[in-house]
């Protein structure tokens, strides 16, 4: 059986494209199968791996959204992992939506949300040979200051004026949570992943390619003993 890699994320995993000029299918506002980082990762890793897309726009770590149902990863985690078992690696890239003003969470609390999520994942009977949990936390791109004065400022105003500063602090919190809970860690902000200049929070096509390249170079070593 192939090694199953579950990629649990938000719109940057689903492949939302804010710039029509940057994607092959602008009418869909989504990068296609040749552009999304998950699909590029599959191509780079080859036939011995199965990369499973689990991206949902608006998804948080554990916080229930009062406006839209089903967006917290915690409540979806058990059926997600059980449906893809045996899981060789769980890649989690979340945290951007946790900075929304209506949740009222600071970066420390967002880190606690990630801790709760990974600790739950570690208890689920879904893991491959040996049953050892194998989790990679990816800190998402930091939200750019331009979001609050961008053409989508009204739409994205739900993020609140503090979203930029909170997102800057999230990578350090996630790094700490990863170390304390035996998880691997990768900071997308250290990879030079480009994000667009329209909403200042979503990866460009180049950003998707860079993230896939970085993960493809690291994941085989994370699965060497799985």
N, C-alpha and C. Protein backbone atom coordinates (compact mmCIF):
# COMPACT_ATOMS: atom_id res chain seq x y z
N UNK A 1 0.84 -1.20 0.00
CA UNK A 1 0.00 0.00 0.00
C UNK A 1 0.88 1.25 0.00
N UNK A 2 0.38 2.28 -0.66
CA UNK A 2 1.10 3.55 -0.69
C UNK A 2 1.09 4.19 0.69
N UNK A 3 2.02 5.09 0.92
CA UNK A 3 2.06 5.84 2.17
C UNK A 3 1.09 7.01 2.08
N UNK A 4 0.13 7.05 2.99
CA UNK A 4 -0.93 8.05 2.95
C UNK A 4 -0.49 9.32 3.68
N UNK A 5 -0.54 10.45 2.98
CA UNK A 5 -0.20 11.76 3.54
C UNK A 5 -1.47 12.61 3.51
N UNK A 6 -2.03 12.89 4.68
CA UNK A 6 -3.25 13.69 4.78
C UNK A 6 -2.87 15.15 5.00
N UNK A 7 -3.33 16.01 4.11
CA UNK A 7 -3.02 17.44 4.19
C UNK A 7 -4.27 18.19 4.66
N UNK A 8 -4.28 18.55 5.93
CA UNK A 8 -5.43 19.19 6.56
C UNK A 8 -5.20 20.69 6.64
N UNK A 9 -6.04 21.45 5.95
CA UNK A 9 -5.81 22.89 5.92
C UNK A 9 -7.05 23.70 5.60
N UNK A 10 -6.82 24.96 5.27
CA UNK A 10 -7.90 25.89 4.96
C UNK A 10 -7.88 26.23 3.48
N UNK A 11 -8.17 27.48 3.13
CA UNK A 11 -8.25 27.86 1.72
C UNK A 11 -6.91 27.77 1.00
N UNK A 12 -5.80 27.88 1.72
CA UNK A 12 -4.50 27.74 1.09
C UNK A 12 -4.17 26.29 0.77
N UNK A 13 -4.92 25.36 1.33
CA UNK A 13 -4.81 23.95 0.94
C UNK A 13 -5.87 23.61 -0.10
N UNK A 14 -7.05 24.20 0.04
CA UNK A 14 -8.10 24.02 -0.97
C UNK A 14 -7.69 24.62 -2.30
N UNK A 15 -6.86 25.66 -2.25
CA UNK A 15 -6.34 26.26 -3.48
C UNK A 15 -7.03 27.52 -3.93
N UNK A 16 -7.58 28.30 -3.01
CA UNK A 16 -8.26 29.54 -3.40
C UNK A 16 -7.29 30.47 -4.14
N UNK A 17 -7.77 31.03 -5.24
CA UNK A 17 -6.98 31.96 -6.05
C UNK A 17 -7.69 33.31 -6.10
N UNK A 18 -7.09 34.31 -5.49
CA UNK A 18 -7.69 35.64 -5.43
C UNK A 18 -7.41 36.48 -6.67
N UNK A 19 -6.40 36.09 -7.44
CA UNK A 19 -5.99 36.85 -8.62
C UNK A 19 -6.33 36.07 -9.89
N UNK A 20 -7.34 36.48 -10.63
CA UNK A 20 -7.74 35.75 -11.84
C UNK A 20 -6.62 35.58 -12.85
N UNK A 21 -5.66 36.50 -12.82
CA UNK A 21 -4.56 36.43 -13.78
C UNK A 21 -3.50 35.39 -13.38
N UNK A 22 -3.65 34.83 -12.19
CA UNK A 22 -2.61 33.95 -11.67
C UNK A 22 -2.97 32.47 -11.77
N UNK A 23 -4.18 32.15 -12.20
CA UNK A 23 -4.58 30.74 -12.26
C UNK A 23 -5.16 30.40 -13.62
N UNK A 24 -5.11 29.12 -13.96
CA UNK A 24 -5.55 28.67 -15.28
C UNK A 24 -7.06 28.72 -15.43
N UNK A 25 -7.79 28.63 -14.32
CA UNK A 25 -9.25 28.60 -14.36
C UNK A 25 -9.82 29.74 -13.52
N UNK A 26 -9.67 30.99 -13.98
CA UNK A 26 -10.06 32.14 -13.15
C UNK A 26 -11.53 32.17 -12.77
N UNK A 27 -12.39 31.59 -13.61
CA UNK A 27 -13.82 31.60 -13.31
C UNK A 27 -14.15 30.75 -12.09
N UNK A 28 -13.25 29.84 -11.73
CA UNK A 28 -13.46 28.97 -10.58
C UNK A 28 -12.86 29.53 -9.29
N UNK A 29 -12.01 30.54 -9.41
CA UNK A 29 -11.31 31.14 -8.26
C UNK A 29 -10.57 30.07 -7.45
N UNK A 30 -10.07 29.07 -8.16
CA UNK A 30 -9.33 28.00 -7.49
C UNK A 30 -8.22 27.50 -8.41
N UNK A 31 -7.04 27.32 -7.84
CA UNK A 31 -5.95 26.73 -8.62
C UNK A 31 -6.32 25.30 -8.99
N UNK A 32 -5.93 24.89 -10.19
CA UNK A 32 -6.32 23.56 -10.64
C UNK A 32 -5.33 22.49 -10.19
N UNK A 33 -5.50 21.28 -10.70
CA UNK A 33 -4.72 20.15 -10.23
C UNK A 33 -3.24 20.22 -10.62
N UNK A 34 -2.90 21.08 -11.57
CA UNK A 34 -1.50 21.27 -11.93
C UNK A 34 -0.85 22.39 -11.13
N UNK A 35 -1.66 23.11 -10.35
CA UNK A 35 -1.15 24.30 -9.67
C UNK A 35 -1.13 24.19 -8.15
N UNK A 36 -2.08 23.46 -7.56
CA UNK A 36 -2.17 23.40 -6.10
C UNK A 36 -0.96 22.67 -5.50
N UNK A 37 -0.55 23.12 -4.32
CA UNK A 37 0.66 22.53 -3.72
C UNK A 37 0.48 21.05 -3.40
N UNK A 38 -0.72 20.65 -3.05
CA UNK A 38 -0.96 19.24 -2.74
C UNK A 38 -0.75 18.36 -3.97
N UNK A 39 -1.26 18.79 -5.10
CA UNK A 39 -1.12 18.00 -6.33
C UNK A 39 0.31 18.04 -6.85
N UNK A 40 0.96 19.18 -6.68
CA UNK A 40 2.37 19.27 -7.09
C UNK A 40 3.23 18.39 -6.18
N UNK A 41 2.86 18.32 -4.91
CA UNK A 41 3.58 17.44 -3.99
C UNK A 41 3.42 15.99 -4.40
N UNK A 42 2.20 15.59 -4.77
CA UNK A 42 1.97 14.23 -5.24
C UNK A 42 2.86 13.90 -6.43
N UNK A 43 2.92 14.81 -7.37
CA UNK A 43 3.74 14.58 -8.57
C UNK A 43 5.21 14.44 -8.21
N UNK A 44 5.68 15.28 -7.29
CA UNK A 44 7.10 15.26 -6.92
C UNK A 44 7.47 14.00 -6.13
N UNK A 45 6.55 13.52 -5.28
CA UNK A 45 6.87 12.35 -4.46
C UNK A 45 6.78 11.05 -5.23
N UNK A 46 5.86 10.98 -6.18
CA UNK A 46 5.76 9.78 -7.00
C UNK A 46 4.75 8.76 -6.52
N UNK A 47 4.77 7.61 -7.16
CA UNK A 47 3.72 6.60 -7.01
C UNK A 47 3.73 5.85 -5.69
N UNK A 48 4.78 5.98 -4.91
CA UNK A 48 4.82 5.28 -3.62
C UNK A 48 4.04 6.02 -2.54
N UNK A 49 3.53 7.20 -2.87
CA UNK A 49 2.82 8.03 -1.90
C UNK A 49 1.44 8.39 -2.44
N UNK A 50 0.49 8.60 -1.50
CA UNK A 50 -0.84 9.09 -1.85
C UNK A 50 -1.09 10.35 -1.03
N UNK A 51 -1.11 11.51 -1.71
CA UNK A 51 -1.34 12.79 -1.04
C UNK A 51 -2.83 13.08 -1.08
N UNK A 52 -3.42 13.23 0.09
CA UNK A 52 -4.86 13.39 0.23
C UNK A 52 -5.21 14.81 0.62
N UNK A 53 -5.95 15.50 -0.25
CA UNK A 53 -6.34 16.89 -0.01
C UNK A 53 -7.50 16.97 0.99
N UNK A 54 -7.31 17.72 2.05
CA UNK A 54 -8.38 17.98 3.01
C UNK A 54 -8.36 19.47 3.34
N UNK A 55 -8.62 20.30 2.32
CA UNK A 55 -8.64 21.75 2.48
C UNK A 55 -10.06 22.29 2.47
N UNK A 56 -10.34 23.23 3.36
CA UNK A 56 -11.66 23.85 3.44
C UNK A 56 -11.50 25.32 3.76
N UNK A 57 -12.03 26.19 2.92
CA UNK A 57 -11.93 27.63 3.14
C UNK A 57 -12.60 28.01 4.45
N UNK A 58 -11.91 28.82 5.24
CA UNK A 58 -12.44 29.28 6.51
C UNK A 58 -12.15 28.37 7.69
N UNK A 59 -11.51 27.24 7.45
CA UNK A 59 -11.29 26.27 8.54
C UNK A 59 -10.37 26.84 9.62
N UNK A 60 -10.70 26.52 10.87
CA UNK A 60 -9.88 26.88 12.03
C UNK A 60 -9.30 25.61 12.65
N UNK A 61 -8.49 25.80 13.68
CA UNK A 61 -7.99 24.62 14.40
C UNK A 61 -9.12 24.00 15.21
N UNK A 62 -9.62 24.74 16.21
CA UNK A 62 -10.64 24.17 17.10
C UNK A 62 -11.83 25.11 17.34
N UNK A 63 -11.79 26.32 16.81
CA UNK A 63 -12.78 27.32 17.16
C UNK A 63 -14.01 27.24 16.25
N UNK A 64 -15.19 27.09 16.85
CA UNK A 64 -16.44 27.02 16.09
C UNK A 64 -16.82 28.41 15.61
N UNK A 65 -17.12 28.53 14.33
CA UNK A 65 -17.48 29.82 13.76
C UNK A 65 -18.98 30.06 13.96
N UNK A 66 -19.37 31.19 14.57
CA UNK A 66 -20.80 31.43 14.81
C UNK A 66 -21.58 31.73 13.54
N UNK A 67 -20.88 32.01 12.45
CA UNK A 67 -21.55 32.36 11.20
C UNK A 67 -21.67 31.18 10.23
N UNK A 68 -20.73 30.26 10.29
CA UNK A 68 -20.71 29.15 9.33
C UNK A 68 -20.42 27.85 10.08
N UNK A 69 -21.16 26.82 9.78
CA UNK A 69 -21.01 25.56 10.49
C UNK A 69 -19.91 24.68 9.91
N UNK A 70 -19.37 23.84 10.76
CA UNK A 70 -18.44 22.81 10.31
C UNK A 70 -17.05 23.26 9.95
N UNK A 71 -16.61 24.41 10.45
CA UNK A 71 -15.31 24.93 10.04
C UNK A 71 -14.17 24.61 11.00
N UNK A 72 -14.47 24.07 12.17
CA UNK A 72 -13.36 23.72 13.07
C UNK A 72 -12.83 22.34 12.73
N UNK A 73 -11.51 22.24 12.64
CA UNK A 73 -10.89 20.97 12.27
C UNK A 73 -11.08 19.90 13.34
N UNK A 74 -11.21 20.32 14.60
CA UNK A 74 -11.31 19.35 15.68
C UNK A 74 -12.49 18.41 15.52
N UNK A 75 -13.65 18.96 15.17
CA UNK A 75 -14.85 18.13 15.05
C UNK A 75 -14.81 17.22 13.82
N UNK A 76 -13.96 17.54 12.87
CA UNK A 76 -13.86 16.75 11.63
C UNK A 76 -12.70 15.76 11.67
N UNK A 77 -11.85 15.88 12.66
CA UNK A 77 -10.58 15.15 12.66
C UNK A 77 -10.76 13.64 12.67
N UNK A 78 -11.64 13.12 13.53
CA UNK A 78 -11.79 11.66 13.64
C UNK A 78 -12.26 11.04 12.33
N UNK A 79 -13.36 11.50 11.74
CA UNK A 79 -13.77 10.88 10.46
C UNK A 79 -12.76 11.11 9.34
N UNK A 80 -12.07 12.25 9.38
CA UNK A 80 -11.07 12.53 8.35
C UNK A 80 -9.95 11.50 8.39
N UNK A 81 -9.36 11.33 9.56
CA UNK A 81 -8.22 10.42 9.67
C UNK A 81 -8.64 8.96 9.52
N UNK A 82 -9.79 8.60 10.07
CA UNK A 82 -10.24 7.21 9.95
C UNK A 82 -10.56 6.84 8.50
N UNK A 83 -11.06 7.80 7.74
CA UNK A 83 -11.41 7.51 6.35
C UNK A 83 -10.18 7.31 5.48
N UNK A 84 -9.03 7.82 5.94
CA UNK A 84 -7.80 7.71 5.15
C UNK A 84 -6.80 6.73 5.75
N UNK A 85 -7.19 6.01 6.78
CA UNK A 85 -6.23 5.10 7.42
C UNK A 85 -5.81 3.97 6.47
N UNK A 86 -4.57 3.48 6.63
CA UNK A 86 -3.58 3.89 7.61
C UNK A 86 -2.88 5.20 7.19
N UNK A 87 -2.77 6.11 8.13
CA UNK A 87 -2.15 7.40 7.87
C UNK A 87 -0.65 7.33 8.19
N UNK A 88 0.16 7.68 7.21
CA UNK A 88 1.61 7.70 7.43
C UNK A 88 2.08 9.06 7.93
N UNK A 89 1.41 10.13 7.49
CA UNK A 89 1.79 11.47 7.90
C UNK A 89 0.58 12.39 7.81
N UNK A 90 0.37 13.19 8.86
CA UNK A 90 -0.65 14.23 8.85
C UNK A 90 0.05 15.57 8.78
N UNK A 91 -0.24 16.33 7.72
CA UNK A 91 0.31 17.67 7.56
C UNK A 91 -0.81 18.66 7.90
N UNK A 92 -0.58 19.52 8.88
CA UNK A 92 -1.58 20.50 9.29
C UNK A 92 -1.07 21.90 8.99
N UNK A 93 -1.78 22.63 8.14
CA UNK A 93 -1.46 24.04 7.90
C UNK A 93 -2.73 24.85 8.15
N UNK A 94 -2.88 25.30 9.39
CA UNK A 94 -4.03 26.07 9.83
C UNK A 94 -3.55 27.23 10.71
N UNK A 95 -4.47 28.11 11.07
CA UNK A 95 -4.14 29.20 11.97
C UNK A 95 -4.52 30.57 11.45
N UNK A 96 -4.59 30.74 10.13
CA UNK A 96 -4.93 32.04 9.57
C UNK A 96 -6.33 32.48 9.98
N UNK A 97 -7.29 31.61 9.85
CA UNK A 97 -8.67 31.98 10.19
C UNK A 97 -8.89 32.13 11.69
N UNK A 98 -8.01 31.53 12.47
CA UNK A 98 -8.11 31.66 13.93
C UNK A 98 -7.87 33.10 14.39
N UNK A 99 -7.26 33.91 13.54
CA UNK A 99 -6.96 35.30 13.90
C UNK A 99 -8.16 36.23 13.72
N UNK A 100 -9.27 35.71 13.21
CA UNK A 100 -10.44 36.55 12.99
C UNK A 100 -10.92 37.18 14.29
N UNK A 101 -11.35 38.41 14.18
CA UNK A 101 -11.74 39.19 15.35
C UNK A 101 -12.87 38.53 16.14
N UNK A 102 -13.80 37.87 15.44
CA UNK A 102 -14.95 37.33 16.15
C UNK A 102 -14.61 36.17 17.08
N UNK A 103 -13.41 35.59 16.92
CA UNK A 103 -13.01 34.52 17.83
C UNK A 103 -12.36 35.08 19.10
N UNK A 104 -11.82 36.28 19.02
CA UNK A 104 -11.23 36.93 20.19
C UNK A 104 -10.01 36.22 20.76
N UNK A 105 -9.25 35.53 19.91
CA UNK A 105 -8.10 34.76 20.39
C UNK A 105 -6.78 35.47 20.05
N UNK A 106 -5.85 35.45 21.01
CA UNK A 106 -4.51 35.95 20.71
C UNK A 106 -3.66 34.79 20.19
N UNK A 107 -2.40 35.07 19.86
CA UNK A 107 -1.54 34.04 19.27
C UNK A 107 -1.31 32.88 20.23
N UNK A 108 -1.21 33.17 21.51
CA UNK A 108 -1.01 32.09 22.49
C UNK A 108 -2.20 31.13 22.48
N UNK A 109 -3.42 31.69 22.46
CA UNK A 109 -4.62 30.86 22.44
C UNK A 109 -4.71 30.06 21.14
N UNK A 110 -4.29 30.66 20.04
CA UNK A 110 -4.28 29.95 18.76
C UNK A 110 -3.31 28.77 18.85
N UNK A 111 -2.19 28.98 19.52
CA UNK A 111 -1.26 27.89 19.75
C UNK A 111 -1.87 26.77 20.57
N UNK A 112 -2.67 27.15 21.57
CA UNK A 112 -3.35 26.14 22.38
C UNK A 112 -4.36 25.36 21.54
N UNK A 113 -4.98 26.05 20.58
CA UNK A 113 -5.89 25.37 19.67
C UNK A 113 -5.16 24.32 18.85
N UNK A 114 -3.98 24.67 18.36
CA UNK A 114 -3.19 23.69 17.61
C UNK A 114 -2.77 22.54 18.52
N UNK A 115 -2.42 22.84 19.75
CA UNK A 115 -2.03 21.78 20.68
C UNK A 115 -3.18 20.80 20.90
N UNK A 116 -4.38 21.33 21.10
CA UNK A 116 -5.53 20.45 21.30
C UNK A 116 -5.78 19.59 20.08
N UNK A 117 -5.62 20.18 18.90
CA UNK A 117 -5.86 19.45 17.66
C UNK A 117 -4.87 18.30 17.49
N UNK A 118 -3.58 18.57 17.68
CA UNK A 118 -2.58 17.52 17.48
C UNK A 118 -2.68 16.45 18.56
N UNK A 119 -3.00 16.85 19.77
CA UNK A 119 -3.15 15.85 20.83
C UNK A 119 -4.32 14.93 20.56
N UNK A 120 -5.39 15.48 19.99
CA UNK A 120 -6.51 14.64 19.58
C UNK A 120 -6.09 13.69 18.47
N UNK A 121 -5.36 14.20 17.48
CA UNK A 121 -4.91 13.35 16.38
C UNK A 121 -4.05 12.20 16.87
N UNK A 122 -3.25 12.47 17.89
CA UNK A 122 -2.35 11.44 18.42
C UNK A 122 -3.10 10.31 19.11
N UNK A 123 -4.35 10.54 19.50
CA UNK A 123 -5.13 9.50 20.19
C UNK A 123 -5.97 8.66 19.24
N UNK A 124 -6.06 9.06 17.99
CA UNK A 124 -6.93 8.36 17.04
C UNK A 124 -6.22 7.13 16.47
N UNK A 125 -6.91 6.03 16.46
CA UNK A 125 -6.36 4.76 15.98
C UNK A 125 -6.43 4.72 14.46
N UNK A 126 -5.49 5.43 13.84
CA UNK A 126 -5.51 5.54 12.37
C UNK A 126 -4.13 5.38 11.76
N UNK A 127 -3.12 5.29 12.63
CA UNK A 127 -1.75 5.37 12.15
C UNK A 127 -1.25 4.06 11.58
N UNK A 128 -0.22 4.16 10.75
CA UNK A 128 0.31 3.01 10.05
C UNK A 128 1.01 2.01 10.95
N UNK A 129 1.87 1.16 10.38
CA UNK A 129 2.55 0.11 11.15
C UNK A 129 3.20 0.66 12.42
N UNK A 130 2.91 0.01 13.54
CA UNK A 130 3.45 0.46 14.81
C UNK A 130 2.54 1.42 15.53
N UNK A 131 1.58 2.03 14.80
CA UNK A 131 0.62 2.93 15.41
C UNK A 131 1.22 4.21 15.97
N UNK A 132 2.38 4.63 15.45
CA UNK A 132 3.04 5.83 15.98
C UNK A 132 2.56 7.07 15.23
N UNK A 133 1.97 8.05 15.95
CA UNK A 133 1.52 9.28 15.30
C UNK A 133 2.69 10.00 14.62
N UNK A 134 2.43 10.55 13.46
CA UNK A 134 3.45 11.25 12.69
C UNK A 134 2.82 12.52 12.13
N UNK A 135 3.13 13.67 12.73
CA UNK A 135 2.44 14.92 12.40
C UNK A 135 3.45 16.01 12.07
N UNK A 136 3.18 16.71 10.99
CA UNK A 136 3.97 17.89 10.59
C UNK A 136 3.09 19.13 10.67
N UNK A 137 3.46 20.07 11.54
CA UNK A 137 2.76 21.34 11.63
C UNK A 137 3.45 22.34 10.72
N UNK A 138 2.69 22.95 9.82
CA UNK A 138 3.23 23.98 8.94
C UNK A 138 2.62 25.32 9.34
N UNK A 139 3.46 26.25 9.77
CA UNK A 139 2.97 27.59 10.09
C UNK A 139 2.59 28.29 8.78
N UNK A 140 1.37 28.82 8.67
CA UNK A 140 0.90 29.41 7.41
C UNK A 140 1.55 30.76 7.14
N UNK A 141 1.43 31.25 5.90
CA UNK A 141 1.97 32.58 5.57
C UNK A 141 1.37 33.65 6.48
N UNK A 142 2.22 34.56 6.92
CA UNK A 142 1.77 35.68 7.75
C UNK A 142 0.90 36.61 6.91
N UNK A 143 -0.19 37.08 7.48
CA UNK A 143 -1.08 38.00 6.77
C UNK A 143 -0.38 39.33 6.57
N UNK A 144 -0.40 39.84 5.34
CA UNK A 144 0.26 41.11 5.04
C UNK A 144 -0.57 42.31 5.48
N UNK A 145 0.10 43.39 5.82
CA UNK A 145 -0.59 44.60 6.28
C UNK A 145 -1.54 45.16 5.24
N UNK A 146 -1.28 44.88 3.98
CA UNK A 146 -2.11 45.41 2.91
C UNK A 146 -3.54 44.91 2.92
N UNK A 147 -3.83 43.86 3.69
CA UNK A 147 -5.18 43.30 3.69
C UNK A 147 -6.22 44.32 4.14
N UNK A 148 -5.85 45.21 5.06
CA UNK A 148 -6.83 46.12 5.64
C UNK A 148 -7.13 47.32 4.74
N UNK A 149 -6.33 47.54 3.72
CA UNK A 149 -6.58 48.63 2.77
C UNK A 149 -6.69 48.11 1.34
N UNK A 150 -6.88 46.82 1.20
CA UNK A 150 -6.94 46.20 -0.11
C UNK A 150 -8.33 46.33 -0.71
N UNK A 151 -8.49 45.99 -2.00
CA UNK A 151 -9.82 46.02 -2.64
C UNK A 151 -10.84 45.11 -1.97
N UNK A 152 -10.36 44.15 -1.19
CA UNK A 152 -11.28 43.24 -0.49
C UNK A 152 -11.34 43.57 1.00
N UNK A 153 -11.01 44.82 1.34
CA UNK A 153 -10.96 45.19 2.76
C UNK A 153 -12.29 44.98 3.46
N UNK A 154 -13.40 45.33 2.80
CA UNK A 154 -14.71 45.15 3.44
C UNK A 154 -15.02 43.67 3.66
N UNK A 155 -14.73 42.89 2.64
CA UNK A 155 -14.99 41.46 2.75
C UNK A 155 -14.11 40.82 3.81
N UNK A 156 -12.84 41.22 3.84
CA UNK A 156 -11.90 40.62 4.78
C UNK A 156 -11.83 41.36 6.10
N UNK A 157 -12.64 42.40 6.25
CA UNK A 157 -12.63 43.14 7.50
C UNK A 157 -12.98 42.29 8.69
N UNK A 158 -13.60 41.16 8.41
CA UNK A 158 -13.92 40.23 9.48
C UNK A 158 -12.67 39.77 10.21
N UNK A 159 -11.50 39.89 9.55
CA UNK A 159 -10.26 39.48 10.19
C UNK A 159 -9.92 40.40 11.36
N UNK A 160 -10.33 41.68 11.27
CA UNK A 160 -10.06 42.60 12.35
C UNK A 160 -8.68 43.22 12.22
N UNK A 161 -8.47 44.41 12.78
CA UNK A 161 -7.19 45.12 12.64
C UNK A 161 -6.03 44.41 13.32
N UNK A 162 -6.31 43.50 14.24
CA UNK A 162 -5.22 42.82 14.94
C UNK A 162 -4.75 41.55 14.27
N UNK A 163 -5.36 41.18 13.13
CA UNK A 163 -5.04 39.89 12.52
C UNK A 163 -3.59 39.82 12.05
N UNK A 164 -3.05 40.94 11.57
CA UNK A 164 -1.68 40.94 11.07
C UNK A 164 -0.70 40.66 12.19
N UNK A 165 -0.84 41.37 13.29
CA UNK A 165 0.09 41.18 14.41
C UNK A 165 -0.06 39.79 15.01
N UNK A 166 -1.29 39.32 15.15
CA UNK A 166 -1.48 37.97 15.69
C UNK A 166 -0.84 36.92 14.79
N UNK A 167 -1.02 37.08 13.47
CA UNK A 167 -0.47 36.09 12.55
C UNK A 167 1.06 36.07 12.59
N UNK A 168 1.67 37.22 12.89
CA UNK A 168 3.13 37.27 13.01
C UNK A 168 3.63 36.45 14.18
N UNK A 169 2.81 36.33 15.20
CA UNK A 169 3.22 35.62 16.41
C UNK A 169 2.88 34.13 16.37
N UNK A 170 2.03 33.75 15.46
CA UNK A 170 1.58 32.36 15.39
C UNK A 170 2.72 31.37 15.09
N UNK A 171 3.63 31.64 14.14
CA UNK A 171 4.69 30.65 13.86
C UNK A 171 5.51 30.26 15.09
N UNK A 172 5.85 31.23 15.92
CA UNK A 172 6.63 30.91 17.13
C UNK A 172 5.83 30.03 18.08
N UNK A 173 4.53 30.30 18.18
CA UNK A 173 3.68 29.47 19.04
C UNK A 173 3.58 28.05 18.49
N UNK A 174 3.42 27.93 17.19
CA UNK A 174 3.32 26.60 16.58
C UNK A 174 4.64 25.84 16.69
N UNK A 175 5.74 26.55 16.58
CA UNK A 175 7.05 25.89 16.74
C UNK A 175 7.17 25.29 18.15
N UNK A 176 6.74 26.06 19.14
CA UNK A 176 6.79 25.59 20.52
C UNK A 176 5.87 24.38 20.73
N UNK A 177 4.66 24.47 20.19
CA UNK A 177 3.70 23.38 20.33
C UNK A 177 4.24 22.11 19.67
N UNK A 178 4.86 22.25 18.52
CA UNK A 178 5.43 21.09 17.82
C UNK A 178 6.50 20.42 18.67
N UNK A 179 7.38 21.23 19.24
CA UNK A 179 8.47 20.69 20.06
C UNK A 179 7.94 20.00 21.30
N UNK A 180 6.94 20.57 21.92
CA UNK A 180 6.39 20.02 23.16
C UNK A 180 5.57 18.76 22.95
N UNK A 181 5.09 18.55 21.71
CA UNK A 181 4.19 17.43 21.45
C UNK A 181 4.76 16.41 20.47
N UNK A 182 6.05 16.46 20.23
CA UNK A 182 6.70 15.47 19.39
C UNK A 182 6.30 15.52 17.93
N UNK A 183 6.00 16.73 17.44
CA UNK A 183 5.61 16.91 16.04
C UNK A 183 6.76 17.54 15.25
N UNK A 184 6.77 17.31 13.96
CA UNK A 184 7.69 18.00 13.07
C UNK A 184 7.15 19.42 12.84
N UNK A 185 8.02 20.33 12.39
CA UNK A 185 7.59 21.71 12.19
C UNK A 185 8.25 22.29 10.95
N UNK A 186 7.48 23.12 10.24
CA UNK A 186 7.99 23.85 9.09
C UNK A 186 7.29 25.20 9.04
N UNK A 187 8.05 26.26 8.85
CA UNK A 187 7.50 27.62 8.76
C UNK A 187 7.47 28.04 7.30
N UNK A 188 6.28 28.17 6.74
CA UNK A 188 6.16 28.55 5.33
C UNK A 188 6.77 29.92 5.07
N UNK A 189 6.85 30.76 6.09
CA UNK A 189 7.40 32.10 5.92
C UNK A 189 8.92 32.09 5.72
N UNK A 190 9.56 31.00 6.08
CA UNK A 190 11.00 30.89 5.91
C UNK A 190 11.38 30.28 4.57
N UNK A 191 10.38 29.94 3.78
CA UNK A 191 10.63 29.28 2.50
C UNK A 191 10.58 30.23 1.32
N UNK A 192 10.18 31.47 1.58
CA UNK A 192 10.02 32.41 0.48
C UNK A 192 8.78 32.16 -0.33
N UNK A 193 7.75 31.61 0.32
CA UNK A 193 6.49 31.35 -0.38
C UNK A 193 5.77 32.67 -0.66
N UNK A 194 5.55 32.95 -1.90
CA UNK A 194 4.93 34.21 -2.32
C UNK A 194 3.43 34.18 -2.09
N UNK A 195 2.87 35.28 -1.55
CA UNK A 195 1.41 35.38 -1.48
C UNK A 195 0.97 36.62 -2.25
N UNK A 196 -0.29 36.62 -2.67
CA UNK A 196 -0.76 37.63 -3.62
C UNK A 196 -0.86 39.02 -3.00
N UNK A 197 -0.95 40.01 -3.86
CA UNK A 197 -1.04 41.41 -3.44
C UNK A 197 -2.46 41.94 -3.60
N UNK A 198 -3.43 41.03 -3.51
CA UNK A 198 -4.84 41.40 -3.55
C UNK A 198 -5.45 41.28 -2.16
N UNK A 199 -5.35 40.09 -1.56
CA UNK A 199 -5.86 39.94 -0.19
C UNK A 199 -4.74 39.72 0.82
N UNK A 200 -3.51 39.55 0.34
CA UNK A 200 -2.32 39.51 1.18
C UNK A 200 -2.32 38.34 2.18
N UNK A 201 -3.00 37.25 1.84
CA UNK A 201 -2.97 36.10 2.74
C UNK A 201 -3.01 34.75 2.01
N UNK A 202 -3.24 34.78 0.71
CA UNK A 202 -3.31 33.53 -0.03
C UNK A 202 -2.09 33.36 -0.93
N UNK A 203 -1.63 32.14 -1.02
CA UNK A 203 -0.48 31.81 -1.84
C UNK A 203 -0.75 32.07 -3.32
N UNK A 204 0.27 32.52 -4.03
CA UNK A 204 0.20 32.61 -5.48
C UNK A 204 0.54 31.25 -6.07
N UNK A 205 0.47 31.15 -7.39
CA UNK A 205 0.86 29.92 -8.04
C UNK A 205 2.32 29.58 -7.74
N UNK A 206 3.16 30.61 -7.73
CA UNK A 206 4.57 30.40 -7.37
C UNK A 206 4.70 29.97 -5.92
N UNK A 207 3.85 30.53 -5.06
CA UNK A 207 3.87 30.15 -3.65
C UNK A 207 3.50 28.69 -3.45
N UNK A 208 2.50 28.23 -4.19
CA UNK A 208 2.12 26.81 -4.13
C UNK A 208 3.27 25.93 -4.59
N UNK A 209 3.93 26.33 -5.66
CA UNK A 209 5.05 25.55 -6.19
C UNK A 209 6.20 25.48 -5.19
N UNK A 210 6.48 26.60 -4.54
CA UNK A 210 7.59 26.63 -3.58
C UNK A 210 7.29 25.77 -2.37
N UNK A 211 6.06 25.83 -1.87
CA UNK A 211 5.70 25.02 -0.72
C UNK A 211 5.78 23.53 -1.06
N UNK A 212 5.28 23.16 -2.22
CA UNK A 212 5.35 21.76 -2.64
C UNK A 212 6.79 21.29 -2.76
N UNK A 213 7.64 22.14 -3.31
CA UNK A 213 9.05 21.79 -3.47
C UNK A 213 9.71 21.54 -2.11
N UNK A 214 9.43 22.44 -1.16
CA UNK A 214 10.02 22.30 0.17
C UNK A 214 9.54 21.04 0.88
N UNK A 215 8.26 20.76 0.78
CA UNK A 215 7.71 19.57 1.42
C UNK A 215 8.21 18.28 0.77
N UNK A 216 8.33 18.31 -0.54
CA UNK A 216 8.82 17.13 -1.26
C UNK A 216 10.25 16.80 -0.86
N UNK A 217 11.02 17.83 -0.52
CA UNK A 217 12.40 17.60 -0.10
C UNK A 217 12.51 17.09 1.33
N UNK A 218 11.46 17.29 2.11
CA UNK A 218 11.52 16.92 3.53
C UNK A 218 10.73 15.67 3.88
N UNK A 219 9.60 15.46 3.25
CA UNK A 219 8.69 14.39 3.66
C UNK A 219 9.30 12.97 3.58
N UNK A 220 10.03 12.62 2.55
CA UNK A 220 10.58 11.24 2.52
C UNK A 220 11.37 10.87 3.78
N UNK A 221 12.10 11.82 4.33
CA UNK A 221 12.87 11.54 5.54
C UNK A 221 11.94 11.34 6.74
N UNK A 222 10.79 12.03 6.74
CA UNK A 222 9.84 11.90 7.83
C UNK A 222 9.12 10.55 7.80
N UNK A 223 9.16 9.91 6.64
CA UNK A 223 8.47 8.63 6.46
C UNK A 223 9.41 7.45 6.32
N UNK A 224 10.68 7.68 6.56
CA UNK A 224 11.68 6.64 6.33
C UNK A 224 11.42 5.40 7.20
N UNK A 225 10.90 5.61 8.40
CA UNK A 225 10.68 4.49 9.32
C UNK A 225 9.20 4.11 9.45
N UNK A 226 8.36 4.65 8.56
CA UNK A 226 6.92 4.38 8.65
C UNK A 226 6.54 3.25 7.71
